[in-house]
Amino acid sequence: MIELGQSQTTSMLEVVHSFEKISGKPFELQFVPEAALSAQRAASTDPLQVSFTTLMLNIAHGIQVNTTLSDQVFAFPLASIEDYARQVMG
């Protein structure tokens, strides 16, 4: 499996702030407390819900990606969050 992303840990909130800065517009955000996600995961009997709440908890902590393999496989640099935001925000 090839991990794609940035080598430094980037939180989703930092990503949102990058898009806000580039678009010049604030985004409406909703926050779910980590304790609520943990309780939801602990109480769930549905494997899909357990997977999603675990994913949300991991995202809340920020995800660090090992880019060693992707740097070797791809002959071009991957876009930064800011570059991607500029591209999609027009």
PDB file of N, CA and C in Angstrom:
ATOM      1  N   MET A   1       0.842  -1.159   0.000  1.00  0.00           N
ATOM      2  CA  MET A   1       0.000   0.000   0.000  1.00  0.00           C
ATOM      3  C   MET A   1       0.899   1.238   0.000  1.00  0.00           C
ATOM      4  N   ILE A   2       0.552   2.191  -0.820  1.00  0.00           N
ATOM      5  CA  ILE A   2       1.300   3.443  -0.901  1.00  0.00           C
ATOM      6  C   ILE A   2       0.513   4.523  -0.175  1.00  0.00           C
ATOM      7  N   GLU A   3       1.126   5.117   0.832  1.00  0.00           N
ATOM      8  CA  GLU A   3       0.481   6.198   1.569  1.00  0.00           C
ATOM      9  C   GLU A   3       0.699   7.508   0.820  1.00  0.00           C
ATOM     10  N   LEU A   4      -0.376   8.251   0.650  1.00  0.00           N
ATOM     11  CA  LEU A   4      -0.288   9.557   0.012  1.00  0.00           C
ATOM     12  C   LEU A   4      -0.638  10.621   1.029  1.00  0.00           C
ATOM     13  N   GLY A   5       0.102  11.682   1.036  1.00  0.00           N
ATOM     14  CA  GLY A   5      -0.156  12.765   1.973  1.00  0.00           C
ATOM     15  C   GLY A   5       1.103  13.563   2.199  1.00  0.00           C
ATOM     16  N   GLN A   6       1.077  14.344   3.249  1.00  0.00           N
ATOM     17  CA  GLN A   6       2.234  15.138   3.623  1.00  0.00           C
ATOM     18  C   GLN A   6       2.993  14.423   4.722  1.00  0.00           C
ATOM     19  N   SER A   7       4.278  14.646   4.772  1.00  0.00           N
ATOM     20  CA  SER A   7       5.091  13.974   5.772  1.00  0.00           C
ATOM     21  C   SER A   7       4.864  14.543   7.174  1.00  0.00           C
ATOM     22  N   GLN A   8       4.443  15.812   7.270  1.00  0.00           N
ATOM     23  CA  GLN A   8       4.183  16.375   8.590  1.00  0.00           C
ATOM     24  C   GLN A   8       2.728  16.120   8.974  1.00  0.00           C
ATOM     25  N   THR A   9       2.472  15.973  10.256  1.00  0.00           N
ATOM     26  CA  THR A   9       1.118  15.764  10.740  1.00  0.00           C
ATOM     27  C   THR A   9       0.299  17.022  10.497  1.00  0.00           C
ATOM     28  N   THR A  10      -0.832  16.860   9.858  1.00  0.00           N
ATOM     29  CA  THR A  10      -1.713  17.974   9.537  1.00  0.00           C
ATOM     30  C   THR A  10      -3.110  17.634  10.021  1.00  0.00           C
ATOM     31  N   SER A  11      -3.672  18.483  10.844  1.00  0.00           N
ATOM     32  CA  SER A  11      -5.026  18.235  11.325  1.00  0.00           C
ATOM     33  C   SER A  11      -6.033  18.674  10.265  1.00  0.00           C
ATOM     34  N   MET A  12      -7.232  18.141  10.367  1.00  0.00           N
ATOM     35  CA  MET A  12      -8.288  18.538   9.436  1.00  0.00           C
ATOM     36  C   MET A  12      -8.625  20.013   9.598  1.00  0.00           C
ATOM     37  N   LEU A  13      -8.501  20.528  10.803  1.00  0.00           N
ATOM     38  CA  LEU A  13      -8.760  21.944  11.035  1.00  0.00           C
ATOM     39  C   LEU A  13      -7.738  22.808  10.292  1.00  0.00           C
ATOM     40  N   GLU A  14      -6.487  22.368  10.261  1.00  0.00           N
ATOM     41  CA  GLU A  14      -5.466  23.090   9.495  1.00  0.00           C
ATOM     42  C   GLU A  14      -5.782  23.059   8.001  1.00  0.00           C
ATOM     43  N   VAL A  15      -6.297  21.931   7.519  1.00  0.00           N
ATOM     44  CA  VAL A  15      -6.677  21.821   6.113  1.00  0.00           C
ATOM     45  C   VAL A  15      -7.822  22.793   5.813  1.00  0.00           C
ATOM     46  N   VAL A  16      -8.827  22.821   6.686  1.00  0.00           N
ATOM     47  CA  VAL A  16      -9.953  23.736   6.499  1.00  0.00           C
ATOM     48  C   VAL A  16      -9.466  25.178   6.488  1.00  0.00           C
ATOM     49  N   HIS A  17      -8.564  25.517   7.398  1.00  0.00           N
ATOM     50  CA  HIS A  17      -8.037  26.886   7.446  1.00  0.00           C
ATOM     51  C   HIS A  17      -7.305  27.241   6.147  1.00  0.00           C
ATOM     52  N   SER A  18      -6.608  26.280   5.555  1.00  0.00           N
ATOM     53  CA  SER A  18      -5.942  26.530   4.273  1.00  0.00           C
ATOM     54  C   SER A  18      -6.965  26.847   3.191  1.00  0.00           C
ATOM     55  N   PHE A  19      -8.060  26.087   3.157  1.00  0.00           N
ATOM     56  CA  PHE A  19      -9.103  26.341   2.159  1.00  0.00           C
ATOM     57  C   PHE A  19      -9.796  27.673   2.416  1.00  0.00           C
ATOM     58  N   GLU A  20     -10.014  28.013   3.683  1.00  0.00           N
ATOM     59  CA  GLU A  20     -10.624  29.305   4.007  1.00  0.00           C
ATOM     60  C   GLU A  20      -9.735  30.455   3.557  1.00  0.00           C
ATOM     61  N   LYS A  21      -8.449  30.329   3.825  1.00  0.00           N
ATOM     62  CA  LYS A  21      -7.499  31.385   3.470  1.00  0.00           C
ATOM     63  C   LYS A  21      -7.476  31.593   1.958  1.00  0.00           C
ATOM     64  N   ILE A  22      -7.439  30.502   1.205  1.00  0.00           N
ATOM     65  CA  ILE A  22      -7.337  30.599  -0.248  1.00  0.00           C
ATOM     66  C   ILE A  22      -8.651  31.066  -0.865  1.00  0.00           C
ATOM     67  N   SER A  23      -9.774  30.610  -0.323  1.00  0.00           N
ATOM     68  CA  SER A  23     -11.075  31.019  -0.872  1.00  0.00           C
ATOM     69  C   SER A  23     -11.482  32.408  -0.410  1.00  0.00           C
ATOM     70  N   GLY A  24     -10.904  32.859   0.715  1.00  0.00           N
ATOM     71  CA  GLY A  24     -11.277  34.148   1.269  1.00  0.00           C
ATOM     72  C   GLY A  24     -12.618  34.129   1.977  1.00  0.00           C
ATOM     73  N   LYS A  25     -13.155  32.924   2.212  1.00  0.00           N
ATOM     74  CA  LYS A  25     -14.463  32.786   2.855  1.00  0.00           C
ATOM     75  C   LYS A  25     -14.368  31.803   4.017  1.00  0.00           C
ATOM     76  N   PRO A  26     -15.069  32.113   5.105  1.00  0.00           N
ATOM     77  CA  PRO A  26     -15.070  31.156   6.222  1.00  0.00           C
ATOM     78  C   PRO A  26     -15.989  29.971   5.908  1.00  0.00           C
ATOM     79  N   PHE A  27     -15.650  28.822   6.445  1.00  0.00           N
ATOM     80  CA  PHE A  27     -16.479  27.632   6.315  1.00  0.00           C
ATOM     81  C   PHE A  27     -17.274  27.467   7.602  1.00  0.00           C
ATOM     82  N   GLU A  28     -18.471  26.956   7.486  1.00  0.00           N
ATOM     83  CA  GLU A  28     -19.260  26.662   8.675  1.00  0.00           C
ATOM     84  C   GLU A  28     -18.797  25.304   9.207  1.00  0.00           C
ATOM     85  N   LEU A  29     -18.353  25.293  10.437  1.00  0.00           N
ATOM     86  CA  LEU A  29     -17.810  24.076  11.035  1.00  0.00           C
ATOM     87  C   LEU A  29     -18.704  23.578  12.163  1.00  0.00           C
ATOM     88  N   GLN A  30     -18.738  22.281  12.315  1.00  0.00           N
ATOM     89  CA  GLN A  30     -19.411  21.662  13.444  1.00  0.00           C
ATOM     90  C   GLN A  30     -18.394  20.763  14.128  1.00  0.00           C
ATOM     91  N   PHE A  31     -18.330  20.848  15.442  1.00  0.00           N
ATOM     92  CA  PHE A  31     -17.363  20.070  16.195  1.00  0.00           C
ATOM     93  C   PHE A  31     -18.084  19.036  17.057  1.00  0.00           C
ATOM     94  N   VAL A  32     -17.541  17.838  17.066  1.00  0.00           N
ATOM     95  CA  VAL A  32     -18.053  16.769  17.914  1.00  0.00           C
ATOM     96  C   VAL A  32     -16.967  16.484  18.945  1.00  0.00           C
ATOM     97  N   PRO A  33     -17.291  16.554  20.229  1.00  0.00           N
ATOM     98  CA  PRO A  33     -16.271  16.296  21.251  1.00  0.00           C
ATOM     99  C   PRO A  33     -15.687  14.883  21.123  1.00  0.00           C
ATOM    100  N   GLU A  34     -14.404  14.786  21.379  1.00  0.00           N
ATOM    101  CA  GLU A  34     -13.724  13.496  21.303  1.00  0.00           C
ATOM    102  C   GLU A  34     -14.389  12.478  22.230  1.00  0.00           C
ATOM    103  N   ALA A  35     -14.813  12.914  23.410  1.00  0.00           N
ATOM    104  CA  ALA A  35     -15.472  12.006  24.351  1.00  0.00           C
ATOM    105  C   ALA A  35     -16.758  11.432  23.758  1.00  0.00           C
ATOM    106  N   ALA A  36     -17.478  12.239  22.988  1.00  0.00           N
ATOM    107  CA  ALA A  36     -18.707  11.765  22.354  1.00  0.00           C
ATOM    108  C   ALA A  36     -18.398  10.713  21.291  1.00  0.00           C
ATOM    109  N   LEU A  37     -17.339  10.924  20.527  1.00  0.00           N
ATOM    110  CA  LEU A  37     -16.938   9.931  19.528  1.00  0.00           C
ATOM    111  C   LEU A  37     -16.499   8.631  20.193  1.00  0.00           C
ATOM    112  N   SER A  38     -15.735   8.750  21.261  1.00  0.00           N
ATOM    113  CA  SER A  38     -15.283   7.561  21.985  1.00  0.00           C
ATOM    114  C   SER A  38     -16.464   6.788  22.555  1.00  0.00           C
ATOM    115  N   ALA A  39     -17.427   7.513  23.118  1.00  0.00           N
ATOM    116  CA  ALA A  39     -18.620   6.863  23.683  1.00  0.00           C
ATOM    117  C   ALA A  39     -19.436   6.194  22.581  1.00  0.00           C
ATOM    118  N   GLN A  40     -19.547   6.867  21.444  1.00  0.00           N
ATOM    119  CA  GLN A  40     -20.296   6.293  20.322  1.00  0.00           C
ATOM    120  C   GLN A  40     -19.641   5.009  19.838  1.00  0.00           C
ATOM    121  N   ARG A  41     -18.319   5.035  19.739  1.00  0.00           N
ATOM    122  CA  ARG A  41     -17.599   3.831  19.300  1.00  0.00           C
ATOM    123  C   ARG A  41     -17.756   2.706  20.304  1.00  0.00           C
ATOM    124  N   ALA A  42     -17.647   3.024  21.576  1.00  0.00           N
ATOM    125  CA  ALA A  42     -17.758   1.992  22.620  1.00  0.00           C
ATOM    126  C   ALA A  42     -19.157   1.376  22.677  1.00  0.00           C
ATOM    127  N   ALA A  43     -20.177   2.161  22.386  1.00  0.00           N
ATOM    128  CA  ALA A  43     -21.554   1.684  22.483  1.00  0.00           C
ATOM    129  C   ALA A  43     -22.038   0.987  21.214  1.00  0.00           C
ATOM    130  N   SER A  44     -21.313   1.128  20.133  1.00  0.00           N
ATOM    131  CA  SER A  44     -21.786   0.619  18.853  1.00  0.00           C
ATOM    132  C   SER A  44     -21.621  -0.889  18.747  1.00  0.00           C
ATOM    133  N   THR A  45     -22.633  -1.513  18.151  1.00  0.00           N
ATOM    134  CA  THR A  45     -22.550  -2.943  17.821  1.00  0.00           C
ATOM    135  C   THR A  45     -22.424  -3.134  16.307  1.00  0.00           C
ATOM    136  N   ASP A  46     -22.473  -2.040  15.565  1.00  0.00           N
ATOM    137  CA  ASP A  46     -22.371  -2.066  14.110  1.00  0.00           C
ATOM    138  C   ASP A  46     -20.911  -1.859  13.707  1.00  0.00           C
ATOM    139  N   PRO A  47     -20.301  -2.837  13.043  1.00  0.00           N
ATOM    140  CA  PRO A  47     -18.891  -2.713  12.658  1.00  0.00           C
ATOM    141  C   PRO A  47     -18.602  -1.482  11.793  1.00  0.00           C
ATOM    142  N   LEU A  48     -19.543  -1.106  10.926  1.00  0.00           N
ATOM    143  CA  LEU A  48     -19.337   0.063  10.083  1.00  0.00           C
ATOM    144  C   LEU A  48     -19.281   1.337  10.925  1.00  0.00           C
ATOM    145  N   GLN A  49     -20.170   1.441  11.910  1.00  0.00           N
ATOM    146  CA  GLN A  49     -20.155   2.613  12.785  1.00  0.00           C
ATOM    147  C   GLN A  49     -18.884   2.652  13.624  1.00  0.00           C
ATOM    148  N   VAL A  50     -18.415   1.500  14.065  1.00  0.00           N
ATOM    149  CA  VAL A  50     -17.144   1.444  14.804  1.00  0.00           C
ATOM    150  C   VAL A  50     -16.012   1.948  13.908  1.00  0.00           C
ATOM    151  N   SER A  51     -16.005   1.518  12.642  1.00  0.00           N
ATOM    152  CA  SER A  51     -14.968   1.953  11.703  1.00  0.00           C
ATOM    153  C   SER A  51     -14.998   3.463  11.489  1.00  0.00           C
ATOM    154  N   PHE A  52     -16.193   4.004  11.282  1.00  0.00           N
ATOM    155  CA  PHE A  52     -16.300   5.445  11.041  1.00  0.00           C
ATOM    156  C   PHE A  52     -15.922   6.274  12.268  1.00  0.00           C
ATOM    157  N   THR A  53     -16.350   5.846  13.442  1.00  0.00           N
ATOM    158  CA  THR A  53     -15.990   6.628  14.632  1.00  0.00           C
ATOM    159  C   THR A  53     -14.494   6.515  14.916  1.00  0.00           C
ATOM    160  N   THR A  54     -13.908   5.369  14.651  1.00  0.00           N
ATOM    161  CA  THR A  54     -12.456   5.222  14.806  1.00  0.00           C
ATOM    162  C   THR A  54     -11.726   6.123  13.817  1.00  0.00           C
ATOM    163  N   LEU A  55     -12.211   6.162  12.573  1.00  0.00           N
ATOM    164  CA  LEU A  55     -11.630   7.048  11.574  1.00  0.00           C
ATOM    165  C   LEU A  55     -11.726   8.505  12.014  1.00  0.00           C
ATOM    166  N   MET A  56     -12.892   8.914  12.513  1.00  0.00           N
ATOM    167  CA  MET A  56     -13.066  10.301  12.966  1.00  0.00           C
ATOM    168  C   MET A  56     -12.133  10.623  14.136  1.00  0.00           C
ATOM    169  N   LEU A  57     -11.944   9.677  15.041  1.00  0.00           N
ATOM    170  CA  LEU A  57     -11.023   9.905  16.163  1.00  0.00           C
ATOM    171  C   LEU A  57      -9.592  10.050  15.659  1.00  0.00           C
ATOM    172  N   ASN A  58      -9.200   9.204  14.718  1.00  0.00           N
ATOM    173  CA  ASN A  58      -7.846   9.305  14.159  1.00  0.00           C
ATOM    174  C   ASN A  58      -7.648  10.622  13.425  1.00  0.00           C
ATOM    175  N   ILE A  59      -8.643  11.037  12.677  1.00  0.00           N
ATOM    176  CA  ILE A  59      -8.558  12.307  11.949  1.00  0.00           C
ATOM    177  C   ILE A  59      -8.465  13.476  12.925  1.00  0.00           C
ATOM    178  N   ALA A  60      -9.200  13.392  14.017  1.00  0.00           N
ATOM    179  CA  ALA A  60      -9.172  14.467  15.014  1.00  0.00           C
ATOM    180  C   ALA A  60      -7.768  14.662  15.590  1.00  0.00           C
ATOM    181  N   HIS A  61      -6.977  13.598  15.632  1.00  0.00           N
ATOM    182  CA  HIS A  61      -5.621  13.684  16.178  1.00  0.00           C
ATOM    183  C   HIS A  61      -4.588  14.092  15.142  1.00  0.00           C
ATOM    184  N   GLY A  62      -4.984  14.118  13.874  1.00  0.00           N
ATOM    185  CA  GLY A  62      -4.033  14.405  12.807  1.00  0.00           C
ATOM    186  C   GLY A  62      -3.402  13.114  12.328  1.00  0.00           C
ATOM    187  N   ILE A  63      -3.098  13.065  11.072  1.00  0.00           N
ATOM    188  CA  ILE A  63      -2.564  11.849  10.475  1.00  0.00           C
ATOM    189  C   ILE A  63      -1.197  12.147   9.883  1.00  0.00           C
ATOM    190  N   GLN A  64      -0.217  11.380  10.311  1.00  0.00           N
ATOM    191  CA  GLN A  64       1.120  11.525   9.735  1.00  0.00           C
ATOM    192  C   GLN A  64       1.312  10.407   8.725  1.00  0.00           C
ATOM    193  N   VAL A  65       1.814  10.763   7.572  1.00  0.00           N
ATOM    194  CA  VAL A  65       1.972   9.812   6.482  1.00  0.00           C
ATOM    195  C   VAL A  65       3.449   9.625   6.187  1.00  0.00           C
ATOM    196  N   ASN A  66       3.848   8.362   6.023  1.00  0.00           N
ATOM    197  CA  ASN A  66       5.211   8.064   5.630  1.00  0.00           C
ATOM    198  C   ASN A  66       5.278   8.173   4.107  1.00  0.00           C
ATOM    199  N   THR A  67       5.943   9.199   3.614  1.00  0.00           N
ATOM    200  CA  THR A  67       5.974   9.464   2.170  1.00  0.00           C
ATOM    201  C   THR A  67       7.176   8.845   1.460  1.00  0.00           C
ATOM    202  N   THR A  68       7.949   8.043   2.149  1.00  0.00           N
ATOM    203  CA  THR A  68       9.160   7.465   1.546  1.00  0.00           C
ATOM    204  C   THR A  68       8.845   6.698   0.268  1.00  0.00           C
ATOM    205  N   LEU A  69       7.859   5.792   0.321  1.00  0.00           N
ATOM    206  CA  LEU A  69       7.529   4.977  -0.848  1.00  0.00           C
ATOM    207  C   LEU A  69       6.905   5.807  -1.958  1.00  0.00           C
ATOM    208  N   SER A  70       5.980   6.704  -1.630  1.00  0.00           N
ATOM    209  CA  SER A  70       5.346   7.514  -2.681  1.00  0.00           C
ATOM    210  C   SER A  70       6.373   8.426  -3.353  1.00  0.00           C
ATOM    211  N   ASP A  71       7.342   8.910  -2.591  1.00  0.00           N
ATOM    212  CA  ASP A  71       8.400   9.740  -3.180  1.00  0.00           C
ATOM    213  C   ASP A  71       9.216   8.940  -4.195  1.00  0.00           C
ATOM    214  N   GLN A  72       9.396   7.634  -3.940  1.00  0.00           N
ATOM    215  CA  GLN A  72      10.163   6.783  -4.850  1.00  0.00           C
ATOM    216  C   GLN A  72       9.342   6.355  -6.065  1.00  0.00           C
ATOM    217  N   VAL A  73       8.046   6.104  -5.863  1.00  0.00           N
ATOM    218  CA  VAL A  73       7.190   5.580  -6.922  1.00  0.00           C
ATOM    219  C   VAL A  73       6.801   6.650  -7.938  1.00  0.00           C
ATOM    220  N   PHE A  74       6.450   7.827  -7.443  1.00  0.00           N
ATOM    221  CA  PHE A  74       5.993   8.888  -8.332  1.00  0.00           C
ATOM    222  C   PHE A  74       7.172   9.759  -8.744  1.00  0.00           C
ATOM    223  N   ALA A  75       7.258  10.012 -10.044  1.00  0.00           N
ATOM    224  CA  ALA A  75       8.378  10.783 -10.580  1.00  0.00           C
ATOM    225  C   ALA A  75       8.114  12.284 -10.534  1.00  0.00           C
ATOM    226  N   PHE A  76       7.090  12.683  -9.810  1.00  0.00           N
ATOM    227  CA  PHE A  76       6.743  14.100  -9.710  1.00  0.00           C
ATOM    228  C   PHE A  76       6.324  14.390  -8.272  1.00  0.00           C
ATOM    229  N   PRO A  77       6.500  15.611  -7.840  1.00  0.00           N
ATOM    230  CA  PRO A  77       6.086  15.947  -6.481  1.00  0.00           C
ATOM    231  C   PRO A  77       4.559  16.004  -6.384  1.00  0.00           C
ATOM    232  N   LEU A  78       4.035  15.499  -5.297  1.00  0.00           N
ATOM    233  CA  LEU A  78       2.595  15.569  -5.079  1.00  0.00           C
ATOM    234  C   LEU A  78       2.219  16.982  -4.645  1.00  0.00           C
ATOM    235  N   ALA A  79       1.008  17.383  -4.950  1.00  0.00           N
ATOM    236  CA  ALA A  79       0.552  18.734  -4.627  1.00  0.00           C
ATOM    237  C   ALA A  79       0.434  18.922  -3.120  1.00  0.00           C
ATOM    238  N   SER A  80       0.783  20.100  -2.665  1.00  0.00           N
ATOM    239  CA  SER A  80       0.590  20.445  -1.254  1.00  0.00           C
ATOM    240  C   SER A  80      -0.889  20.727  -1.026  1.00  0.00           C
ATOM    241  N   ILE A  81      -1.284  20.800   0.216  1.00  0.00           N
ATOM    242  CA  ILE A  81      -2.674  21.139   0.534  1.00  0.00           C
ATOM    243  C   ILE A  81      -3.016  22.502  -0.055  1.00  0.00           C
ATOM    244  N   GLU A  82      -2.123  23.457   0.097  1.00  0.00           N
ATOM    245  CA  GLU A  82      -2.367  24.801  -0.413  1.00  0.00           C
ATOM    246  C   GLU A  82      -2.495  24.804  -1.935  1.00  0.00           C
ATOM    247  N   ASP A  83      -1.627  24.063  -2.628  1.00  0.00           N
ATOM    248  CA  ASP A  83      -1.700  23.994  -4.085  1.00  0.00           C
ATOM    249  C   ASP A  83      -3.009  23.347  -4.529  1.00  0.00           C
ATOM    250  N   TYR A  84      -3.406  22.279  -3.856  1.00  0.00           N
ATOM    251  CA  TYR A  84      -4.661  21.612  -4.194  1.00  0.00           C
ATOM    252  C   TYR A  84      -5.846  22.547  -3.943  1.00  0.00           C
ATOM    253  N   ALA A  85      -5.825  23.251  -2.829  1.00  0.00           N
ATOM    254  CA  ALA A  85      -6.902  24.189  -2.515  1.00  0.00           C
ATOM    255  C   ALA A  85      -7.007  25.267  -3.587  1.00  0.00           C
ATOM    256  N   ARG A  86      -5.879  25.796  -4.027  1.00  0.00           N
ATOM    257  CA  ARG A  86      -5.889  26.797  -5.096  1.00  0.00           C
ATOM    258  C   ARG A  86      -6.501  26.224  -6.381  1.00  0.00           C
ATOM    259  N   GLN A  87      -6.183  24.970  -6.668  1.00  0.00           N
ATOM    260  CA  GLN A  87      -6.671  24.336  -7.882  1.00  0.00           C
ATOM    261  C   GLN A  87      -8.190  24.139  -7.835  1.00  0.00           C
ATOM    262  N   VAL A  88      -8.714  23.657  -6.737  1.00  0.00           N
ATOM    263  CA  VAL A  88     -10.149  23.341  -6.680  1.00  0.00           C
ATOM    264  C   VAL A  88     -11.020  24.550  -6.332  1.00  0.00           C
ATOM    265  N   MET A  89     -10.431  25.558  -5.690  1.00  0.00           N
ATOM    266  CA  MET A  89     -11.209  26.736  -5.326  1.00  0.00           C
ATOM    267  C   MET A  89     -11.244  27.760  -6.459  1.00  0.00           C
ATOM    268  N   GLY A  90     -10.442  27.490  -7.499  1.00  0.00           N
ATOM    269  CA  GLY A  90     -10.449  28.337  -8.692  1.00  0.00           C
ATOM    270  C   GLY A  90      -9.944  29.683  -8.426  1.00  0.00           C
TER     271      GLY A  90
END
